[in-house]
Amino acid sequence: MLFSQLLIANRHRIYGFIFSLVHNHQGAEDLMQEVSMVLWRKFDQFEEGTDFAAWAMSVARFCSLNWRRKQAKLPLALDDEDLMRLADDAMAVACEIDDRRDALQQCLPRLPQRCRKVVWARYQDEATVPEIAERNDLSVRSIYLLLEKAHGMLLDCIRERCNRASNPT
């Protein structure tokens, strides 16, 4: 049960990581299946409470390298060393995105009600700015200004939280 939950929750991240290494949807799908099987077989080695996606991406990294070797006839522009550097960068970015997403979840409730309402309408409800303006009896410019204010406040809050997390004192 835990394995399935973790795999489903992190599937897009793992798939994106694999795709960044193979640049081929069919290959990435095949590798995702292979990685899932390897993860299942090795799940007893996973330490609960640690980052499942990071562990899965380290497995995916080696599976992708093996896949590349088997696909020798495919024209791939990167050698193995470059591919591993790319994998390191992709893994670091994926982990950073999760940290920022967590910070965003914590920062959203701190926005003033008016800004939060506009952000919610724009990004959760996917309403256009003119639709939001009409719903709230405000001008389009007012909505853009509220969004700009909200973006700035969220950016500052996310930076502060990420800096605090990376430099705890």
N, C-alpha and C. Protein backbone atom coordinates (compact mmCIF):
# COMPACT_ATOMS: atom_id res chain seq x y z
N MET A 1 0.83 -1.20 0.00
CA MET A 1 0.00 0.00 0.00
C MET A 1 0.87 1.26 0.00
N LEU A 2 1.85 1.33 0.90
CA LEU A 2 2.72 2.49 0.96
C LEU A 2 3.48 2.66 -0.35
N PHE A 3 3.97 1.56 -0.90
CA PHE A 3 4.71 1.64 -2.16
C PHE A 3 3.85 2.27 -3.24
N SER A 4 2.63 1.79 -3.40
CA SER A 4 1.74 2.32 -4.44
C SER A 4 1.47 3.80 -4.23
N GLN A 5 1.23 4.20 -3.00
CA GLN A 5 0.97 5.61 -2.71
C GLN A 5 2.16 6.48 -3.08
N LEU A 6 3.33 6.03 -2.69
CA LEU A 6 4.53 6.81 -2.98
C LEU A 6 4.81 6.87 -4.49
N LEU A 7 4.62 5.74 -5.16
CA LEU A 7 4.88 5.71 -6.61
C LEU A 7 3.89 6.61 -7.34
N ILE A 8 2.63 6.52 -7.00
CA ILE A 8 1.62 7.35 -7.66
C ILE A 8 1.88 8.83 -7.37
N ALA A 9 2.18 9.15 -6.13
CA ALA A 9 2.41 10.55 -5.76
C ALA A 9 3.62 11.15 -6.47
N ASN A 10 4.59 10.32 -6.82
CA ASN A 10 5.84 10.82 -7.41
C ASN A 10 6.01 10.44 -8.87
N ARG A 11 5.00 9.84 -9.48
CA ARG A 11 5.13 9.33 -10.84
C ARG A 11 5.54 10.41 -11.85
N HIS A 12 4.90 11.56 -11.79
CA HIS A 12 5.20 12.62 -12.76
C HIS A 12 6.64 13.10 -12.61
N ARG A 13 7.08 13.20 -11.39
CA ARG A 13 8.46 13.65 -11.16
C ARG A 13 9.46 12.64 -11.69
N ILE A 14 9.20 11.36 -11.43
CA ILE A 14 10.11 10.31 -11.88
C ILE A 14 10.10 10.23 -13.40
N TYR A 15 8.88 10.28 -13.98
CA TYR A 15 8.78 10.21 -15.44
C TYR A 15 9.50 11.40 -16.08
N GLY A 16 9.30 12.59 -15.54
CA GLY A 16 9.96 13.77 -16.07
C GLY A 16 11.48 13.65 -16.01
N PHE A 17 11.94 13.07 -14.92
CA PHE A 17 13.38 12.85 -14.78
C PHE A 17 13.88 11.89 -15.86
N ILE A 18 13.15 10.79 -16.04
CA ILE A 18 13.55 9.80 -17.06
C ILE A 18 13.51 10.43 -18.45
N PHE A 19 12.43 11.15 -18.74
CA PHE A 19 12.30 11.76 -20.06
C PHE A 19 13.44 12.75 -20.32
N SER A 20 13.86 13.47 -19.28
CA SER A 20 14.96 14.42 -19.47
C SER A 20 16.25 13.71 -19.85
N LEU A 21 16.34 12.43 -19.55
CA LEU A 21 17.56 11.67 -19.88
C LEU A 21 17.46 10.96 -21.21
N VAL A 22 16.26 10.55 -21.63
CA VAL A 22 16.16 9.76 -22.86
C VAL A 22 15.53 10.51 -24.03
N HIS A 23 14.80 11.59 -23.76
CA HIS A 23 14.17 12.41 -24.81
C HIS A 23 13.35 11.59 -25.79
N ASN A 24 12.63 10.62 -25.28
CA ASN A 24 11.84 9.73 -26.13
C ASN A 24 10.67 9.23 -25.28
N HIS A 25 9.43 9.56 -25.70
CA HIS A 25 8.27 9.20 -24.87
C HIS A 25 8.10 7.70 -24.73
N GLN A 26 8.27 6.97 -25.82
CA GLN A 26 8.11 5.51 -25.72
C GLN A 26 9.20 4.92 -24.82
N GLY A 27 10.42 5.39 -25.01
CA GLY A 27 11.51 4.92 -24.16
C GLY A 27 11.28 5.28 -22.71
N ALA A 28 10.78 6.50 -22.47
CA ALA A 28 10.52 6.92 -21.09
C ALA A 28 9.41 6.08 -20.46
N GLU A 29 8.39 5.76 -21.23
CA GLU A 29 7.31 4.91 -20.70
C GLU A 29 7.84 3.52 -20.37
N ASP A 30 8.64 2.94 -21.30
CA ASP A 30 9.22 1.62 -21.05
C ASP A 30 10.10 1.65 -19.80
N LEU A 31 10.90 2.70 -19.70
CA LEU A 31 11.79 2.82 -18.55
C LEU A 31 11.01 3.02 -17.26
N MET A 32 9.92 3.77 -17.34
CA MET A 32 9.10 3.99 -16.14
C MET A 32 8.59 2.65 -15.62
N GLN A 33 8.18 1.78 -16.54
CA GLN A 33 7.72 0.45 -16.14
C GLN A 33 8.86 -0.34 -15.49
N GLU A 34 10.01 -0.30 -16.15
CA GLU A 34 11.17 -1.03 -15.62
C GLU A 34 11.58 -0.48 -14.25
N VAL A 35 11.62 0.84 -14.13
CA VAL A 35 12.00 1.46 -12.86
C VAL A 35 10.99 1.08 -11.77
N SER A 36 9.72 1.07 -12.11
CA SER A 36 8.68 0.70 -11.13
C SER A 36 8.92 -0.72 -10.62
N MET A 37 9.27 -1.62 -11.52
CA MET A 37 9.53 -3.01 -11.10
C MET A 37 10.76 -3.09 -10.20
N VAL A 38 11.80 -2.38 -10.57
CA VAL A 38 13.03 -2.39 -9.75
C VAL A 38 12.73 -1.80 -8.37
N LEU A 39 11.99 -0.70 -8.36
CA LEU A 39 11.65 -0.07 -7.09
C LEU A 39 10.85 -1.03 -6.20
N TRP A 40 9.93 -1.76 -6.81
CA TRP A 40 9.14 -2.71 -6.04
C TRP A 40 10.03 -3.81 -5.45
N ARG A 41 10.92 -4.33 -6.28
CA ARG A 41 11.83 -5.39 -5.80
C ARG A 41 12.74 -4.89 -4.68
N LYS A 42 13.13 -3.63 -4.74
CA LYS A 42 14.09 -3.09 -3.76
C LYS A 42 13.41 -2.25 -2.67
N PHE A 43 12.10 -2.29 -2.62
CA PHE A 43 11.39 -1.40 -1.69
C PHE A 43 11.79 -1.65 -0.24
N ASP A 44 12.23 -2.85 0.08
CA ASP A 44 12.68 -3.11 1.46
C ASP A 44 13.95 -2.32 1.80
N GLN A 45 14.64 -1.80 0.79
CA GLN A 45 15.84 -0.99 1.03
C GLN A 45 15.51 0.50 1.21
N PHE A 46 14.29 0.88 0.86
CA PHE A 46 13.88 2.27 1.01
C PHE A 46 13.63 2.58 2.49
N GLU A 47 14.18 3.68 2.96
CA GLU A 47 14.01 4.09 4.35
C GLU A 47 12.80 5.01 4.44
N GLU A 48 11.76 4.53 5.10
CA GLU A 48 10.54 5.32 5.25
C GLU A 48 10.86 6.65 5.92
N GLY A 49 10.25 7.71 5.41
CA GLY A 49 10.50 9.05 5.95
C GLY A 49 11.53 9.82 5.15
N THR A 50 12.26 9.12 4.27
CA THR A 50 13.20 9.81 3.40
C THR A 50 12.48 10.13 2.09
N ASP A 51 13.18 10.79 1.18
CA ASP A 51 12.59 11.27 -0.06
C ASP A 51 12.48 10.11 -1.07
N PHE A 52 11.25 9.62 -1.26
CA PHE A 52 11.03 8.50 -2.18
C PHE A 52 11.43 8.88 -3.60
N ALA A 53 11.07 10.10 -4.04
CA ALA A 53 11.38 10.51 -5.41
C ALA A 53 12.89 10.54 -5.65
N ALA A 54 13.65 11.03 -4.69
CA ALA A 54 15.10 11.06 -4.86
C ALA A 54 15.65 9.64 -4.97
N TRP A 55 15.13 8.75 -4.15
CA TRP A 55 15.56 7.35 -4.21
C TRP A 55 15.17 6.75 -5.56
N ALA A 56 13.95 7.01 -6.00
CA ALA A 56 13.47 6.47 -7.28
C ALA A 56 14.29 7.03 -8.44
N MET A 57 14.64 8.31 -8.37
CA MET A 57 15.42 8.90 -9.46
C MET A 57 16.83 8.34 -9.50
N SER A 58 17.38 7.96 -8.37
CA SER A 58 18.72 7.34 -8.40
C SER A 58 18.63 5.97 -9.07
N VAL A 59 17.53 5.24 -8.84
CA VAL A 59 17.32 3.97 -9.54
C VAL A 59 17.09 4.24 -11.03
N ALA A 60 16.27 5.24 -11.33
CA ALA A 60 15.96 5.57 -12.72
C ALA A 60 17.22 5.98 -13.48
N ARG A 61 18.11 6.62 -12.80
CA ARG A 61 19.36 7.05 -13.42
C ARG A 61 20.14 5.86 -13.98
N PHE A 62 20.26 4.81 -13.19
CA PHE A 62 21.01 3.63 -13.65
C PHE A 62 20.23 2.85 -14.69
N CYS A 63 18.93 2.78 -14.53
CA CYS A 63 18.11 2.12 -15.56
C CYS A 63 18.22 2.86 -16.89
N SER A 64 18.24 4.19 -16.84
CA SER A 64 18.34 4.99 -18.06
C SER A 64 19.70 4.78 -18.73
N LEU A 65 20.73 4.70 -17.94
CA LEU A 65 22.07 4.47 -18.49
C LEU A 65 22.11 3.11 -19.19
N ASN A 66 21.55 2.09 -18.56
CA ASN A 66 21.51 0.76 -19.19
C ASN A 66 20.66 0.78 -20.45
N TRP A 67 19.55 1.49 -20.41
CA TRP A 67 18.67 1.60 -21.59
C TRP A 67 19.44 2.23 -22.75
N ARG A 68 20.18 3.28 -22.43
CA ARG A 68 20.98 3.96 -23.47
C ARG A 68 21.96 3.01 -24.12
N ARG A 69 22.59 2.19 -23.30
CA ARG A 69 23.57 1.24 -23.84
C ARG A 69 22.91 0.23 -24.77
N LYS A 70 21.69 -0.18 -24.42
CA LYS A 70 20.95 -1.13 -25.26
C LYS A 70 20.46 -0.47 -26.55
N GLN A 71 20.30 0.83 -26.52
CA GLN A 71 19.80 1.56 -27.69
C GLN A 71 20.94 2.15 -28.50
N ALA A 72 22.03 1.46 -28.57
CA ALA A 72 23.24 2.00 -29.20
C ALA A 72 23.00 2.49 -30.62
N LYS A 73 22.01 1.92 -31.27
CA LYS A 73 21.77 2.36 -32.65
C LYS A 73 21.01 3.67 -32.74
N LEU A 74 20.46 4.14 -31.62
CA LEU A 74 19.78 5.44 -31.63
C LEU A 74 20.82 6.55 -31.58
N PRO A 75 20.65 7.58 -32.37
CA PRO A 75 21.62 8.69 -32.35
C PRO A 75 21.39 9.56 -31.11
N LEU A 76 22.21 9.35 -30.10
CA LEU A 76 22.13 10.16 -28.89
C LEU A 76 23.36 11.05 -28.82
N ALA A 77 23.13 12.33 -28.64
CA ALA A 77 24.22 13.30 -28.72
C ALA A 77 25.10 13.32 -27.48
N LEU A 78 24.66 12.74 -26.37
CA LEU A 78 25.41 12.83 -25.12
C LEU A 78 26.17 11.54 -24.83
N ASP A 79 27.37 11.68 -24.30
CA ASP A 79 28.05 10.48 -23.82
C ASP A 79 27.59 10.21 -22.40
N ASP A 80 28.00 9.08 -21.83
CA ASP A 80 27.51 8.69 -20.51
C ASP A 80 27.85 9.71 -19.43
N GLU A 81 29.05 10.28 -19.52
CA GLU A 81 29.46 11.26 -18.51
C GLU A 81 28.56 12.50 -18.55
N ASP A 82 28.28 12.99 -19.75
CA ASP A 82 27.39 14.14 -19.89
C ASP A 82 25.99 13.79 -19.39
N LEU A 83 25.56 12.57 -19.71
CA LEU A 83 24.23 12.14 -19.28
C LEU A 83 24.14 12.12 -17.75
N MET A 84 25.19 11.65 -17.08
CA MET A 84 25.17 11.61 -15.62
C MET A 84 25.19 13.02 -15.02
N ARG A 85 25.91 13.94 -15.65
CA ARG A 85 25.87 15.34 -15.18
C ARG A 85 24.47 15.91 -15.35
N LEU A 86 23.85 15.58 -16.47
CA LEU A 86 22.48 16.03 -16.71
C LEU A 86 21.53 15.42 -15.67
N ALA A 87 21.75 14.16 -15.34
CA ALA A 87 20.92 13.49 -14.33
C ALA A 87 21.07 14.17 -12.97
N ASP A 88 22.30 14.51 -12.61
CA ASP A 88 22.54 15.22 -11.34
C ASP A 88 21.79 16.55 -11.30
N ASP A 89 21.89 17.29 -12.40
CA ASP A 89 21.20 18.59 -12.46
C ASP A 89 19.69 18.41 -12.40
N ALA A 90 19.18 17.44 -13.13
CA ALA A 90 17.73 17.20 -13.15
C ALA A 90 17.23 16.80 -11.76
N MET A 91 18.00 15.99 -11.06
CA MET A 91 17.59 15.56 -9.72
C MET A 91 17.60 16.75 -8.75
N ALA A 92 18.60 17.59 -8.85
CA ALA A 92 18.68 18.76 -7.96
C ALA A 92 17.50 19.70 -8.22
N VAL A 93 17.18 19.91 -9.49
CA VAL A 93 16.05 20.79 -9.82
C VAL A 93 14.74 20.19 -9.33
N ALA A 94 14.57 18.89 -9.50
CA ALA A 94 13.34 18.23 -9.06
C ALA A 94 13.15 18.37 -7.56
N CYS A 95 14.23 18.22 -6.80
CA CYS A 95 14.14 18.36 -5.35
C CYS A 95 13.86 19.81 -4.96
N GLU A 96 14.48 20.76 -5.67
CA GLU A 96 14.26 22.17 -5.38
C GLU A 96 12.80 22.56 -5.67
N ILE A 97 12.25 22.00 -6.72
CA ILE A 97 10.85 22.30 -7.06
C ILE A 97 9.93 21.85 -5.95
N ASP A 98 10.18 20.69 -5.38
CA ASP A 98 9.35 20.21 -4.27
C ASP A 98 9.45 21.15 -3.08
N ASP A 99 10.65 21.62 -2.76
CA ASP A 99 10.82 22.55 -1.65
C ASP A 99 10.04 23.83 -1.90
N ARG A 100 10.10 24.32 -3.12
CA ARG A 100 9.39 25.56 -3.46
C ARG A 100 7.87 25.35 -3.44
N ARG A 101 7.43 24.18 -3.88
CA ARG A 101 6.00 23.87 -3.86
C ARG A 101 5.50 23.82 -2.41
N ASP A 102 6.29 23.20 -1.54
CA ASP A 102 5.92 23.16 -0.12
C ASP A 102 5.87 24.58 0.47
N ALA A 103 6.85 25.40 0.11
CA ALA A 103 6.88 26.78 0.61
C ALA A 103 5.66 27.55 0.10
N LEU A 104 5.31 27.33 -1.16
CA LEU A 104 4.13 28.00 -1.73
C LEU A 104 2.87 27.63 -0.95
N GLN A 105 2.74 26.36 -0.61
CA GLN A 105 1.57 25.92 0.16
C GLN A 105 1.49 26.65 1.51
N GLN A 106 2.64 26.91 2.10
CA GLN A 106 2.67 27.60 3.39
C GLN A 106 2.48 29.11 3.23
N CYS A 107 2.87 29.65 2.08
CA CYS A 107 2.81 31.10 1.88
C CYS A 107 1.42 31.57 1.41
N LEU A 108 0.73 30.76 0.67
CA LEU A 108 -0.57 31.19 0.14
C LEU A 108 -1.53 31.69 1.22
N PRO A 109 -1.68 30.99 2.33
CA PRO A 109 -2.61 31.49 3.35
C PRO A 109 -2.20 32.82 3.97
N ARG A 110 -0.95 33.21 3.79
CA ARG A 110 -0.47 34.46 4.39
C ARG A 110 -0.81 35.68 3.53
N LEU A 111 -1.28 35.44 2.30
CA LEU A 111 -1.66 36.57 1.46
C LEU A 111 -2.89 37.26 2.03
N PRO A 112 -3.00 38.57 1.81
CA PRO A 112 -4.25 39.25 2.18
C PRO A 112 -5.42 38.60 1.43
N GLN A 113 -6.57 38.59 2.06
CA GLN A 113 -7.76 37.93 1.51
C GLN A 113 -8.03 38.32 0.06
N ARG A 114 -7.93 39.59 -0.23
CA ARG A 114 -8.24 40.09 -1.58
C ARG A 114 -7.27 39.50 -2.62
N CYS A 115 -6.00 39.46 -2.31
CA CYS A 115 -5.00 38.88 -3.23
C CYS A 115 -5.21 37.38 -3.36
N ARG A 116 -5.44 36.72 -2.23
CA ARG A 116 -5.63 35.26 -2.25
C ARG A 116 -6.83 34.88 -3.12
N LYS A 117 -7.88 35.66 -3.03
CA LYS A 117 -9.09 35.39 -3.80
C LYS A 117 -8.80 35.49 -5.31
N VAL A 118 -8.04 36.50 -5.71
CA VAL A 118 -7.70 36.69 -7.13
C VAL A 118 -6.74 35.59 -7.60
N VAL A 119 -5.76 35.25 -6.78
CA VAL A 119 -4.81 34.17 -7.14
C VAL A 119 -5.57 32.86 -7.29
N TRP A 120 -6.46 32.59 -6.38
CA TRP A 120 -7.24 31.34 -6.44
C TRP A 120 -8.06 31.29 -7.73
N ALA A 121 -8.74 32.41 -8.04
CA ALA A 121 -9.57 32.44 -9.25
C ALA A 121 -8.71 32.24 -10.50
N ARG A 122 -7.55 32.85 -10.51
CA ARG A 122 -6.70 32.79 -11.71
C ARG A 122 -6.06 31.41 -11.88
N TYR A 123 -5.51 30.84 -10.81
CA TYR A 123 -4.71 29.63 -10.96
C TYR A 123 -5.43 28.35 -10.57
N GLN A 124 -6.36 28.42 -9.67
CA GLN A 124 -7.11 27.21 -9.31
C GLN A 124 -8.32 27.05 -10.22
N ASP A 125 -9.08 28.13 -10.39
CA ASP A 125 -10.27 28.08 -11.23
C ASP A 125 -9.96 28.32 -12.70
N GLU A 126 -8.73 28.76 -12.99
CA GLU A 126 -8.26 29.04 -14.34
C GLU A 126 -9.13 30.07 -15.06
N ALA A 127 -9.60 31.04 -14.31
CA ALA A 127 -10.38 32.12 -14.90
C ALA A 127 -9.43 33.12 -15.56
N THR A 128 -9.91 33.76 -16.61
CA THR A 128 -9.09 34.80 -17.25
C THR A 128 -9.17 36.07 -16.41
N VAL A 129 -8.23 36.96 -16.64
CA VAL A 129 -8.22 38.21 -15.90
C VAL A 129 -9.51 39.01 -16.15
N PRO A 130 -9.97 39.12 -17.41
CA PRO A 130 -11.24 39.84 -17.62
C PRO A 130 -12.42 39.16 -16.89
N GLU A 131 -12.43 37.85 -16.81
CA GLU A 131 -13.51 37.16 -16.08
C GLU A 131 -13.46 37.49 -14.59
N ILE A 132 -12.26 37.50 -14.04
CA ILE A 132 -12.10 37.81 -12.61
C ILE A 132 -12.54 39.25 -12.35
N ALA A 133 -12.13 40.15 -13.25
CA ALA A 133 -12.50 41.56 -13.10
C ALA A 133 -14.02 41.71 -13.10
N GLU A 134 -14.67 41.04 -14.02
CA GLU A 134 -16.13 41.14 -14.11
C GLU A 134 -16.80 40.56 -12.86
N ARG A 135 -16.34 39.39 -12.41
CA ARG A 135 -16.92 38.76 -11.22
C ARG A 135 -16.81 39.65 -9.97
N ASN A 136 -15.70 40.39 -9.90
CA ASN A 136 -15.42 41.19 -8.70
C ASN A 136 -15.74 42.68 -8.87
N ASP A 137 -16.33 43.01 -10.03
CA ASP A 137 -16.69 44.40 -10.32
C ASP A 137 -15.47 45.32 -10.18
N LEU A 138 -14.38 44.87 -10.75
CA LEU A 138 -13.14 45.64 -10.74
C LEU A 138 -12.63 45.78 -12.17
N SER A 139 -11.69 46.67 -12.36
CA SER A 139 -11.11 46.83 -13.70
C SER A 139 -10.08 45.72 -13.94
N VAL A 140 -9.81 45.46 -15.20
CA VAL A 140 -8.78 44.48 -15.56
C VAL A 140 -7.43 44.92 -14.99
N ARG A 141 -7.16 46.21 -15.05
CA ARG A 141 -5.89 46.72 -14.51
C ARG A 141 -5.79 46.45 -13.01
N SER A 142 -6.89 46.60 -12.29
CA SER A 142 -6.88 46.33 -10.85
C SER A 142 -6.53 44.87 -10.57
N ILE A 143 -7.06 43.98 -11.39
CA ILE A 143 -6.76 42.55 -11.20
C ILE A 143 -5.29 42.28 -11.48
N TYR A 144 -4.76 42.88 -12.56
CA TYR A 144 -3.33 42.70 -12.84
C TYR A 144 -2.47 43.23 -11.69
N LEU A 145 -2.86 44.36 -11.13
CA LEU A 145 -2.09 44.92 -10.01
C LEU A 145 -2.17 44.01 -8.78
N LEU A 146 -3.35 43.46 -8.53
CA LEU A 146 -3.47 42.53 -7.39
C LEU A 146 -2.63 41.27 -7.61
N LEU A 147 -2.65 40.77 -8.85
CA LEU A 147 -1.83 39.58 -9.14
C LEU A 147 -0.34 39.91 -9.01
N GLU A 148 0.05 41.09 -9.49
CA GLU A 148 1.46 41.48 -9.38
C GLU A 148 1.87 41.58 -7.91
N LYS A 149 1.01 42.17 -7.11
CA LYS A 149 1.29 42.28 -5.67
C LYS A 149 1.39 40.90 -5.03
N ALA A 150 0.46 40.01 -5.38
CA ALA A 150 0.45 38.66 -4.83
C ALA A 150 1.71 37.90 -5.26
N HIS A 151 2.08 38.02 -6.53
CA HIS A 151 3.29 37.33 -7.01
C HIS A 151 4.52 37.78 -6.24
N GLY A 152 4.63 39.09 -6.02
CA GLY A 152 5.78 39.62 -5.28
C GLY A 152 5.81 39.12 -3.85
N MET A 153 4.65 39.13 -3.21
CA MET A 153 4.58 38.66 -1.81
C MET A 153 4.90 37.17 -1.73
N LEU A 154 4.37 36.41 -2.68
CA LEU A 154 4.65 34.96 -2.67
C LEU A 154 6.12 34.68 -2.94
N LEU A 155 6.69 35.41 -3.88
CA LEU A 155 8.11 35.22 -4.19
C LEU A 155 8.98 35.52 -2.97
N ASP A 156 8.71 36.64 -2.30
CA ASP A 156 9.48 36.98 -1.09
C ASP A 156 9.31 35.91 -0.01
N CYS A 157 8.08 35.47 0.19
CA CYS A 157 7.81 34.46 1.22
C CYS A 157 8.51 33.13 0.90
N ILE A 158 8.44 32.72 -0.37
CA ILE A 158 9.07 31.44 -0.78
C ILE A 158 10.59 31.53 -0.60
N ARG A 159 11.16 32.65 -1.04
CA ARG A 159 12.62 32.82 -0.89
C ARG A 159 13.02 32.76 0.58
N GLU A 160 12.26 33.46 1.41
CA GLU A 160 12.55 33.49 2.85
C GLU A 160 12.50 32.08 3.43
N ARG A 161 11.46 31.33 3.10
CA ARG A 161 11.32 29.97 3.64
C ARG A 161 12.41 29.04 3.13
N CYS A 162 12.73 29.15 1.84
CA CYS A 162 13.78 28.28 1.29
C CYS A 162 15.14 28.63 1.87
N ASN A 163 15.41 29.94 2.04
CA ASN A 163 16.68 30.35 2.66
C ASN A 163 16.77 29.86 4.10
N ARG A 164 15.65 29.99 4.82
CA ARG A 164 15.62 29.53 6.22
C ARG A 164 15.85 28.02 6.29
N ALA A 165 15.26 27.29 5.34
CA ALA A 165 15.41 25.83 5.35
C ALA A 165 16.84 25.41 5.02
N SER A 166 17.49 26.18 4.13
CA SER A 166 18.86 25.80 3.74
C SER A 166 19.91 26.34 4.70
N ASN A 167 19.55 27.35 5.52
CA ASN A 167 20.48 27.93 6.49
C ASN A 167 19.85 27.97 7.88
N PRO A 168 19.50 26.84 8.46
CA PRO A 168 18.88 26.86 9.79
C PRO A 168 19.89 27.33 10.84
N THR A 169 19.44 28.22 11.72
CA THR A 169 20.34 28.68 12.80
C THR A 169 19.68 28.59 14.14
